[in-house]
N, C-alpha and C. Protein backbone atom coordinates (compact mmCIF):
# COMPACT_ATOMS: atom_id res chain seq x y z
N UNK A 1 28.50 22.58 11.79
CA UNK A 1 27.08 22.29 11.84
C UNK A 1 26.86 21.02 12.66
N UNK A 2 25.97 21.09 13.59
CA UNK A 2 25.68 19.93 14.45
C UNK A 2 24.77 18.96 13.71
N UNK A 3 25.05 17.69 13.88
CA UNK A 3 24.22 16.66 13.26
C UNK A 3 23.03 16.34 14.15
N UNK A 4 21.94 15.96 13.53
CA UNK A 4 20.74 15.55 14.25
C UNK A 4 21.01 14.21 14.94
N UNK A 5 20.70 14.12 16.22
CA UNK A 5 20.85 12.85 16.91
C UNK A 5 19.82 11.86 16.39
N UNK A 6 20.23 10.61 16.24
CA UNK A 6 19.33 9.55 15.79
C UNK A 6 18.91 8.72 16.99
N UNK A 7 17.80 8.05 16.83
CA UNK A 7 17.29 7.18 17.88
C UNK A 7 17.54 5.73 17.48
N UNK A 8 17.92 4.93 18.45
CA UNK A 8 18.03 3.50 18.22
C UNK A 8 16.71 2.85 18.63
N UNK A 9 16.16 2.05 17.75
CA UNK A 9 14.90 1.36 18.01
C UNK A 9 15.17 -0.11 18.26
N UNK A 10 14.63 -0.62 19.34
CA UNK A 10 14.80 -2.04 19.66
C UNK A 10 13.72 -2.84 18.93
N UNK A 11 13.86 -4.16 18.93
CA UNK A 11 12.97 -5.04 18.16
C UNK A 11 11.50 -4.81 18.48
N UNK A 12 11.16 -4.65 19.74
CA UNK A 12 9.76 -4.43 20.12
C UNK A 12 9.21 -3.18 19.43
N UNK A 13 10.01 -2.13 19.37
CA UNK A 13 9.59 -0.90 18.71
C UNK A 13 9.49 -1.08 17.19
N UNK A 14 10.43 -1.83 16.62
CA UNK A 14 10.40 -2.11 15.19
C UNK A 14 9.14 -2.87 14.82
N UNK A 15 8.80 -3.87 15.63
CA UNK A 15 7.58 -4.63 15.38
C UNK A 15 6.36 -3.72 15.45
N UNK A 16 6.35 -2.78 16.38
CA UNK A 16 5.21 -1.87 16.54
C UNK A 16 5.10 -0.90 15.36
N UNK A 17 6.21 -0.34 14.90
CA UNK A 17 6.13 0.66 13.83
C UNK A 17 5.94 0.04 12.45
N UNK A 18 6.34 -1.22 12.27
CA UNK A 18 6.16 -1.86 10.97
C UNK A 18 4.90 -2.72 10.90
N UNK A 19 4.45 -3.21 12.03
CA UNK A 19 3.33 -4.13 12.05
C UNK A 19 3.72 -5.53 11.61
N UNK A 20 5.01 -5.78 11.51
CA UNK A 20 5.52 -7.07 11.05
C UNK A 20 6.04 -7.90 12.22
N UNK A 21 6.15 -9.21 11.98
CA UNK A 21 6.64 -10.12 13.02
C UNK A 21 8.17 -10.14 13.04
N UNK A 22 8.70 -10.69 14.11
CA UNK A 22 10.15 -10.83 14.26
C UNK A 22 10.74 -11.61 13.09
N UNK A 23 10.10 -12.72 12.73
CA UNK A 23 10.64 -13.54 11.65
C UNK A 23 10.62 -12.80 10.31
N UNK A 24 9.54 -12.04 10.05
CA UNK A 24 9.49 -11.27 8.81
C UNK A 24 10.62 -10.24 8.77
N UNK A 25 10.85 -9.57 9.88
CA UNK A 25 11.89 -8.54 9.95
C UNK A 25 13.25 -9.14 9.63
N UNK A 26 13.61 -10.22 10.30
CA UNK A 26 14.93 -10.81 10.07
C UNK A 26 15.05 -11.42 8.67
N UNK A 27 13.97 -11.99 8.14
CA UNK A 27 13.99 -12.49 6.77
C UNK A 27 14.19 -11.35 5.78
N UNK A 28 13.50 -10.23 6.00
CA UNK A 28 13.64 -9.07 5.13
C UNK A 28 15.05 -8.49 5.20
N UNK A 29 15.67 -8.53 6.36
CA UNK A 29 17.07 -8.08 6.50
C UNK A 29 17.96 -8.98 5.64
N UNK A 30 17.76 -10.29 5.71
CA UNK A 30 18.56 -11.23 4.91
C UNK A 30 18.38 -11.00 3.42
N UNK A 31 17.16 -10.65 3.00
CA UNK A 31 16.88 -10.40 1.59
C UNK A 31 17.34 -9.01 1.14
N UNK A 32 17.77 -8.18 2.07
CA UNK A 32 18.20 -6.83 1.75
C UNK A 32 17.04 -5.87 1.56
N UNK A 33 15.86 -6.23 2.07
CA UNK A 33 14.66 -5.41 1.90
C UNK A 33 14.33 -4.56 3.12
N UNK A 34 15.08 -4.72 4.19
CA UNK A 34 14.86 -3.97 5.42
C UNK A 34 16.22 -3.65 6.01
N UNK A 35 16.36 -2.49 6.65
CA UNK A 35 17.68 -2.12 7.22
C UNK A 35 18.17 -3.15 8.23
N UNK A 36 19.46 -3.39 8.20
CA UNK A 36 20.07 -4.33 9.14
C UNK A 36 20.22 -3.66 10.51
N UNK A 37 20.14 -4.45 11.56
CA UNK A 37 20.32 -3.88 12.89
C UNK A 37 21.78 -3.52 13.13
N UNK A 38 21.98 -2.67 14.11
CA UNK A 38 23.31 -2.23 14.53
C UNK A 38 23.63 -2.91 15.85
N UNK A 39 24.81 -3.44 15.97
CA UNK A 39 25.22 -4.08 17.22
C UNK A 39 25.54 -3.01 18.26
N UNK A 40 24.86 -3.09 19.40
CA UNK A 40 25.12 -2.15 20.50
C UNK A 40 26.08 -2.73 21.52
N UNK A 41 26.00 -4.03 21.68
CA UNK A 41 26.88 -4.75 22.61
C UNK A 41 26.90 -6.21 22.20
N UNK A 42 27.50 -7.04 23.00
CA UNK A 42 27.59 -8.46 22.67
C UNK A 42 26.22 -9.12 22.52
N UNK A 43 25.21 -8.61 23.24
CA UNK A 43 23.90 -9.25 23.22
C UNK A 43 22.75 -8.31 22.90
N UNK A 44 23.05 -7.15 22.37
CA UNK A 44 21.99 -6.18 22.08
C UNK A 44 22.15 -5.57 20.69
N UNK A 45 21.06 -5.51 19.96
CA UNK A 45 21.04 -4.85 18.65
C UNK A 45 19.89 -3.86 18.63
N UNK A 46 19.98 -2.91 17.71
CA UNK A 46 18.92 -1.92 17.52
C UNK A 46 18.97 -1.45 16.08
N UNK A 47 17.91 -0.78 15.65
CA UNK A 47 17.84 -0.24 14.30
C UNK A 47 17.94 1.27 14.36
N UNK A 48 18.58 1.84 13.37
CA UNK A 48 18.70 3.29 13.25
C UNK A 48 17.34 3.85 12.80
N UNK A 49 16.82 4.80 13.55
CA UNK A 49 15.49 5.34 13.25
C UNK A 49 15.44 5.99 11.86
N UNK A 50 16.51 6.62 11.43
CA UNK A 50 16.52 7.27 10.12
C UNK A 50 16.43 6.23 9.00
N UNK A 51 17.10 5.10 9.17
CA UNK A 51 17.05 4.03 8.17
C UNK A 51 15.65 3.42 8.08
N UNK A 52 15.01 3.25 9.23
CA UNK A 52 13.66 2.70 9.25
C UNK A 52 12.68 3.69 8.64
N UNK A 53 12.85 4.98 8.91
CA UNK A 53 11.98 6.01 8.32
C UNK A 53 12.14 6.02 6.80
N UNK A 54 13.36 5.87 6.31
CA UNK A 54 13.59 5.82 4.86
C UNK A 54 12.92 4.59 4.25
N UNK A 55 12.98 3.46 4.94
CA UNK A 55 12.31 2.24 4.48
C UNK A 55 10.80 2.46 4.41
N UNK A 56 10.24 3.10 5.45
CA UNK A 56 8.81 3.38 5.46
C UNK A 56 8.42 4.25 4.27
N UNK A 57 9.20 5.27 4.00
CA UNK A 57 8.90 6.17 2.89
C UNK A 57 8.92 5.42 1.55
N UNK A 58 9.92 4.54 1.37
CA UNK A 58 9.99 3.74 0.13
C UNK A 58 8.78 2.83 0.01
N UNK A 59 8.35 2.22 1.12
CA UNK A 59 7.17 1.34 1.08
C UNK A 59 5.92 2.12 0.69
N UNK A 60 5.77 3.32 1.22
CA UNK A 60 4.62 4.15 0.90
C UNK A 60 4.62 4.51 -0.59
N UNK A 61 5.77 4.95 -1.09
CA UNK A 61 5.88 5.31 -2.50
C UNK A 61 5.60 4.12 -3.41
N UNK A 62 6.16 2.97 -3.07
CA UNK A 62 5.95 1.75 -3.86
C UNK A 62 4.47 1.36 -3.86
N UNK A 63 3.85 1.47 -2.70
CA UNK A 63 2.44 1.12 -2.60
C UNK A 63 1.57 2.05 -3.43
N UNK A 64 1.88 3.32 -3.43
CA UNK A 64 1.09 4.28 -4.19
C UNK A 64 1.28 4.10 -5.70
N UNK A 65 2.49 3.75 -6.12
CA UNK A 65 2.74 3.51 -7.55
C UNK A 65 1.99 2.28 -8.02
N UNK A 66 1.93 1.25 -7.17
CA UNK A 66 1.26 0.01 -7.53
C UNK A 66 -0.26 0.21 -7.62
N UNK A 67 -0.79 1.15 -6.86
CA UNK A 67 -2.23 1.39 -6.84
C UNK A 67 -2.71 2.17 -8.06
N UNK A 68 -1.79 2.83 -8.76
CA UNK A 68 -2.18 3.66 -9.92
C UNK A 68 -2.43 2.83 -11.13
């Protein structure tokens, strides 16, 4: 069975899809509240799109539970 290819998202894309700032993203990574980036090379990192999508889903569920 072939695996689904994942997309690597760079910081600019992460900021766009989360609406959060660079500092918030890296602070959340340190706190374990946001997926850690993956090292692509000595000077480049990216986030796994599936991990970010899972984070988004958890945020939505948490938000809906809090609203009830």
